[in-house]
Amino acid sequence: MYNNNSEKDLVGAALTAGLGAGIVTSFAVGQGQHPMIALGITAFAAVCGVICRQFDLV
């Protein structure tokens, strides 16, 4: 009846993790970090968020 692992939940997890990491890395770019490294950190955080949601680690 209730599907915990729906596609919307995975997208929400990716967006939440990406936005959270994006805020922090945008500050780091402002302090002089290379933008591609910041994008890599943001993408890595989004992937980790999806993996944690997929395996019910959160």
Protein backbone atom coordinates (compact mmCIF):
# COMPACT_ATOMS: atom_id res chain seq x y z
CA MET A 1 0.00 0.00 0.00
CA TYR A 2 2.72 2.49 0.93
CA ASN A 3 5.91 2.48 -1.15
CA ASN A 4 8.85 3.86 0.85
CA ASN A 5 11.31 3.57 -2.04
CA SER A 6 9.46 5.60 -4.64
CA GLU A 7 11.31 7.58 -7.30
CA LYS A 8 10.16 10.86 -5.75
CA ASP A 9 11.94 10.00 -2.48
CA LEU A 10 15.24 9.39 -4.29
CA VAL A 11 14.97 12.66 -6.19
CA GLY A 12 14.15 14.47 -2.96
CA ALA A 13 17.14 12.92 -1.25
CA ALA A 14 19.43 13.98 -4.09
CA LEU A 15 18.05 17.52 -4.12
CA THR A 16 18.31 17.91 -0.37
CA ALA A 17 21.90 16.65 -0.22
CA GLY A 18 22.89 18.66 -3.28
CA LEU A 19 21.40 21.89 -1.96
CA GLY A 20 23.00 21.42 1.44
CA ALA A 21 26.42 20.76 -0.02
CA GLY A 22 25.95 23.50 -2.61
CA ILE A 23 25.47 26.13 0.06
CA VAL A 24 28.68 25.15 1.82
CA THR A 25 30.71 24.80 -1.37
CA SER A 26 29.48 28.14 -2.71
CA PHE A 27 31.03 29.73 0.37
CA ALA A 28 34.24 27.80 -0.32
CA VAL A 29 34.30 29.06 -3.93
CA GLY A 30 33.92 32.57 -2.55
CA GLN A 31 37.01 31.92 -0.46
CA GLY A 32 39.04 30.78 -3.48
CA GLN A 33 38.31 27.08 -4.06
CA HIS A 34 38.20 25.92 -7.68
CA PRO A 35 34.56 25.73 -8.91
CA MET A 36 34.98 22.23 -10.43
CA ILE A 37 36.12 20.84 -7.09
CA ALA A 38 33.06 22.43 -5.49
CA LEU A 39 30.78 20.84 -8.09
CA GLY A 40 32.45 17.47 -7.48
CA ILE A 41 31.84 17.77 -3.74
CA THR A 42 28.21 18.69 -4.36
CA ALA A 43 27.69 15.75 -6.74
CA PHE A 44 29.37 13.36 -4.32
CA ALA A 45 27.07 14.53 -1.51
CA ALA A 46 24.01 14.03 -3.72
CA VAL A 47 25.10 10.49 -4.62
CA CYS A 48 25.74 9.68 -0.96
CA GLY A 49 22.29 11.00 -0.07
CA VAL A 50 20.63 8.78 -2.68
CA ILE A 51 22.61 5.71 -1.57
CA CYS A 52 21.72 6.30 2.07
CA ARG A 53 18.04 6.71 1.15
CA GLN A 54 18.05 3.64 -1.10
CA PHE A 55 19.46 1.37 1.62
CA ASP A 56 17.39 2.99 4.42
CA LEU A 57 20.44 4.24 6.30
CA VAL A 58 18.66 7.44 7.31
